[in-house]
N, C-alpha and C. Protein backbone atom coordinates (compact mmCIF):
# COMPACT_ATOMS: atom_id res chain seq x y z
N UNK A 1 -100.72 27.13 78.12
CA UNK A 1 -100.37 25.79 78.55
C UNK A 1 -99.28 25.98 79.51
N UNK A 2 -98.19 26.70 79.25
CA UNK A 2 -96.89 26.78 80.04
C UNK A 2 -97.28 27.26 81.62
N UNK A 3 -98.40 28.29 81.65
CA UNK A 3 -98.84 28.50 83.09
C UNK A 3 -99.39 27.45 83.80
N UNK A 4 -100.18 26.53 83.06
CA UNK A 4 -100.85 25.48 83.65
C UNK A 4 -99.72 24.47 84.17
N UNK A 5 -98.81 24.14 83.42
CA UNK A 5 -97.59 23.47 83.72
C UNK A 5 -96.94 23.75 84.86
N UNK A 6 -96.79 24.95 85.12
CA UNK A 6 -96.11 25.84 86.26
C UNK A 6 -97.05 25.48 87.42
N UNK A 7 -98.28 25.74 87.25
CA UNK A 7 -99.21 25.51 88.55
C UNK A 7 -99.14 24.09 88.86
N UNK A 8 -99.21 23.26 87.84
CA UNK A 8 -99.25 21.75 88.42
C UNK A 8 -97.73 21.57 89.05
N UNK A 9 -96.65 21.88 88.53
CA UNK A 9 -95.30 21.61 88.97
C UNK A 9 -95.21 22.09 90.44
N UNK A 10 -95.51 23.39 90.58
CA UNK A 10 -95.36 24.09 91.91
C UNK A 10 -96.37 23.50 92.93
N UNK A 11 -97.61 22.97 92.51
CA UNK A 11 -98.44 22.40 93.59
C UNK A 11 -98.21 20.69 93.82
N UNK A 12 -97.43 20.20 92.98
CA UNK A 12 -97.23 18.69 92.97
C UNK A 12 -96.63 18.26 94.17
N UNK A 13 -95.74 19.10 94.92
CA UNK A 13 -95.07 18.95 95.89
C UNK A 13 -95.85 19.11 97.12
N UNK A 14 -96.83 19.90 97.14
CA UNK A 14 -97.59 20.35 98.28
C UNK A 14 -99.24 19.56 98.36
N UNK A 15 -99.28 18.56 98.81
CA UNK A 15 -100.65 17.66 98.64
C UNK A 15 -101.64 18.43 99.35
N UNK A 16 -102.83 18.19 98.56
CA UNK A 16 -104.08 18.73 98.90
C UNK A 16 -104.31 20.16 98.88
N UNK A 17 -103.42 21.12 98.31
CA UNK A 17 -103.55 22.30 98.28
C UNK A 17 -104.03 22.56 96.78
N UNK A 18 -105.04 23.40 96.70
CA UNK A 18 -105.85 23.92 95.28
C UNK A 18 -105.08 25.29 95.04
N UNK A 19 -104.56 25.20 93.82
CA UNK A 19 -103.79 26.45 93.39
C UNK A 19 -104.87 27.61 93.10
N UNK A 20 -104.38 28.57 92.92
CA UNK A 20 -105.16 29.90 92.29
C UNK A 20 -104.93 30.08 90.98
N UNK A 21 -105.87 29.95 90.05
CA UNK A 21 -105.85 29.92 88.67
C UNK A 21 -106.52 31.27 88.14
N UNK A 22 -105.93 32.01 87.25
CA UNK A 22 -106.39 33.30 86.50
C UNK A 22 -107.11 32.79 85.26
N UNK A 23 -108.24 33.19 85.08
CA UNK A 23 -108.98 32.80 83.87
C UNK A 23 -108.47 33.32 82.59
N UNK A 24 -107.74 34.35 82.54
CA UNK A 24 -107.05 34.82 81.28
C UNK A 24 -105.98 33.99 80.78
N UNK A 25 -105.54 33.11 81.81
CA UNK A 25 -104.62 32.14 81.61
C UNK A 25 -104.64 30.81 80.95
N UNK A 26 -106.23 30.67 81.11
CA UNK A 26 -106.76 29.32 80.81
C UNK A 26 -107.54 29.07 79.64
N UNK A 27 -107.21 28.14 78.72
CA UNK A 27 -108.06 28.16 77.66
C UNK A 27 -108.86 26.64 77.58
N UNK A 28 -109.91 26.60 77.15
CA UNK A 28 -110.43 24.94 76.74
C UNK A 28 -109.14 24.08 76.44
N UNK A 29 -108.45 24.51 75.54
CA UNK A 29 -107.39 23.62 74.98
C UNK A 29 -106.39 23.32 75.92
N UNK A 30 -106.22 24.25 76.99
CA UNK A 30 -105.18 23.76 78.16
C UNK A 30 -105.78 22.86 78.83
N UNK A 31 -107.19 22.73 79.14
CA UNK A 31 -107.51 21.37 79.79
C UNK A 31 -107.38 20.29 78.97
N UNK A 32 -107.71 20.35 77.65
CA UNK A 32 -107.66 19.11 76.79
C UNK A 32 -106.30 18.72 77.00
N UNK A 33 -105.28 19.39 76.76
CA UNK A 33 -103.96 18.95 76.74
C UNK A 33 -103.31 18.56 78.15
N UNK A 34 -104.01 19.17 79.17
CA UNK A 34 -103.55 18.63 80.46
C UNK A 34 -104.19 17.29 80.93
N UNK A 35 -105.21 16.92 80.24
CA UNK A 35 -105.78 15.55 80.59
C UNK A 35 -105.70 14.55 79.42
N UNK A 36 -105.16 14.97 78.28
CA UNK A 36 -105.17 14.11 77.22
C UNK A 36 -104.38 12.88 77.41
N UNK A 37 -103.18 12.97 78.00
CA UNK A 37 -102.50 11.78 78.32
C UNK A 37 -103.20 10.60 79.08
N UNK A 38 -104.03 10.92 79.78
CA UNK A 38 -104.65 10.16 80.83
C UNK A 38 -106.24 9.73 80.44
N UNK A 39 -106.68 10.04 79.20
CA UNK A 39 -108.03 9.88 78.79
C UNK A 39 -107.78 8.77 77.65
N UNK A 40 -108.88 8.15 77.34
CA UNK A 40 -109.06 7.14 76.11
C UNK A 40 -109.49 8.13 75.17
N UNK A 41 -109.17 7.48 73.64
CA UNK A 41 -109.31 8.33 72.68
C UNK A 41 -110.83 8.85 72.50
N UNK A 42 -111.67 8.04 72.63
CA UNK A 42 -113.19 8.58 72.54
C UNK A 42 -113.38 9.55 73.59
N UNK A 43 -113.08 9.61 74.72
CA UNK A 43 -113.24 10.91 75.56
C UNK A 43 -112.54 12.05 75.25
N UNK A 44 -111.35 11.94 74.58
CA UNK A 44 -110.39 12.92 74.08
C UNK A 44 -111.10 13.70 72.90
N UNK A 45 -111.55 12.76 72.09
CA UNK A 45 -112.31 13.11 70.84
C UNK A 45 -113.47 14.05 71.15
N UNK A 46 -114.35 13.58 72.09
CA UNK A 46 -115.64 14.21 72.65
C UNK A 46 -115.24 15.51 73.30
N UNK A 47 -114.17 15.44 74.10
CA UNK A 47 -113.73 16.92 74.70
C UNK A 47 -113.23 17.89 73.61
N UNK A 48 -112.67 17.43 72.59
CA UNK A 48 -112.20 18.37 71.55
C UNK A 48 -113.25 18.80 70.75
N UNK A 49 -114.17 17.95 70.39
CA UNK A 49 -115.49 18.46 69.62
C UNK A 49 -116.26 19.35 70.33
N UNK A 50 -116.44 19.27 71.68
CA UNK A 50 -117.35 20.15 72.45
C UNK A 50 -116.43 21.47 72.86
N UNK A 51 -115.21 21.42 72.72
CA UNK A 51 -114.48 22.61 72.87
C UNK A 51 -114.65 23.56 71.59
N UNK A 52 -115.01 23.11 70.37
CA UNK A 52 -115.10 23.93 69.25
C UNK A 52 -116.33 24.69 69.20
N UNK A 53 -117.19 24.34 70.20
CA UNK A 53 -118.36 25.13 70.34
C UNK A 53 -118.10 26.44 71.25
N UNK A 54 -118.51 27.64 70.77
CA UNK A 54 -118.11 28.86 71.62
C UNK A 54 -119.05 28.91 72.84
N UNK A 55 -119.72 27.88 73.12
CA UNK A 55 -120.61 27.94 74.52
C UNK A 55 -119.89 27.35 75.68
N UNK A 56 -118.66 26.60 75.22
CA UNK A 56 -118.01 25.92 76.35
C UNK A 56 -116.89 26.86 76.64
N UNK A 57 -116.65 26.53 78.34
CA UNK A 57 -115.61 27.37 78.75
C UNK A 57 -114.75 26.24 79.48
N UNK A 58 -113.57 26.70 79.96
CA UNK A 58 -112.49 25.92 80.57
C UNK A 58 -113.14 25.10 81.58
N UNK A 59 -113.94 25.74 82.54
CA UNK A 59 -114.57 25.14 83.65
C UNK A 59 -115.30 24.07 83.24
N UNK A 60 -115.96 24.12 82.15
CA UNK A 60 -116.91 22.94 81.67
C UNK A 60 -116.24 21.77 81.24
N UNK A 61 -115.05 22.10 80.82
CA UNK A 61 -114.10 20.91 80.31
C UNK A 61 -113.55 20.44 81.54
N UNK A 62 -113.32 20.95 82.65
CA UNK A 62 -112.69 20.46 83.73
C UNK A 62 -113.80 19.69 84.29
N UNK A 63 -114.96 20.18 84.48
CA UNK A 63 -116.18 19.53 85.32
C UNK A 63 -116.38 18.23 84.41
N UNK A 64 -116.32 18.13 83.28
CA UNK A 64 -116.51 16.82 82.40
C UNK A 64 -115.50 15.93 82.77
N UNK A 65 -114.24 15.85 82.84
CA UNK A 65 -113.28 15.09 83.18
C UNK A 65 -113.02 14.77 84.60
N UNK A 66 -113.48 15.54 85.58
CA UNK A 66 -113.24 15.26 86.94
C UNK A 66 -113.35 13.90 87.48
N UNK A 67 -114.46 13.03 86.94
CA UNK A 67 -114.67 11.92 87.45
C UNK A 67 -113.78 10.64 86.81
N UNK A 68 -112.93 11.22 85.94
CA UNK A 68 -111.97 10.17 85.31
C UNK A 68 -110.87 9.86 86.09
N UNK A 69 -110.08 8.92 86.00
CA UNK A 69 -109.07 8.44 86.96
C UNK A 69 -107.75 9.18 86.57
N UNK A 70 -107.50 10.23 87.22
CA UNK A 70 -106.68 11.41 86.76
C UNK A 70 -105.58 11.46 88.08
N UNK A 71 -104.23 11.80 87.78
CA UNK A 71 -103.34 12.09 88.90
C UNK A 71 -103.93 13.27 89.91
N UNK A 72 -103.46 13.11 90.90
CA UNK A 72 -104.07 13.88 92.25
C UNK A 72 -103.89 15.35 91.84
N UNK A 73 -102.44 15.55 91.38
CA UNK A 73 -102.13 17.07 90.96
C UNK A 73 -102.80 17.46 89.89
N UNK A 74 -103.34 16.79 88.79
CA UNK A 74 -104.21 17.33 87.70
C UNK A 74 -105.39 17.58 88.29
N UNK A 75 -106.08 16.78 89.11
CA UNK A 75 -107.25 17.05 89.58
C UNK A 75 -107.45 18.33 90.54
N UNK A 76 -106.25 18.63 91.28
CA UNK A 76 -106.37 19.82 92.12
C UNK A 76 -106.31 21.06 90.98
N UNK A 77 -105.39 20.89 89.89
CA UNK A 77 -105.60 21.96 89.09
C UNK A 77 -107.06 22.27 88.19
N UNK A 78 -107.45 21.07 87.99
CA UNK A 78 -108.86 20.94 87.49
C UNK A 78 -109.90 21.83 88.57
N UNK A 79 -109.99 21.30 89.69
CA UNK A 79 -110.56 22.15 90.68
C UNK A 79 -110.50 23.42 90.86
N UNK A 80 -109.16 23.91 90.79
CA UNK A 80 -108.88 25.27 90.69
C UNK A 80 -109.47 26.28 89.55
N UNK A 81 -109.48 25.56 88.45
CA UNK A 81 -110.22 26.01 87.15
C UNK A 81 -111.72 26.04 87.41
N UNK A 82 -112.30 25.03 87.77
CA UNK A 82 -113.79 24.99 88.45
C UNK A 82 -114.02 26.10 89.38
N UNK A 83 -113.20 26.16 90.27
CA UNK A 83 -113.45 27.38 91.37
C UNK A 83 -113.33 28.59 90.67
N UNK A 84 -112.58 28.85 89.63
CA UNK A 84 -112.41 30.36 89.40
C UNK A 84 -113.43 30.44 88.34
N UNK A 85 -114.27 29.47 87.90
CA UNK A 85 -115.43 29.59 86.99
C UNK A 85 -114.96 30.32 85.84
N UNK A 86 -113.92 29.76 85.15
CA UNK A 86 -113.35 30.19 83.89
C UNK A 86 -114.12 29.99 82.67
């Protein structure tokens, strides 16, 4: 989670720039923690339950929440996770 925070912090001052993400540094739980403050309880619960399946990957979590109203810096980080196909 610390790596994700650093990525968000470093790119929050550079608009429209998608960071580069290393998949070994990102877990499903990182995505959940990243978006949790911005989602309602129902969507948070669904995201956590889906993450308990071994079939899900961080990019699947990122895709699932991309249409939600999230701050732009978080969306850029999610796009990087999707692009890396973690």
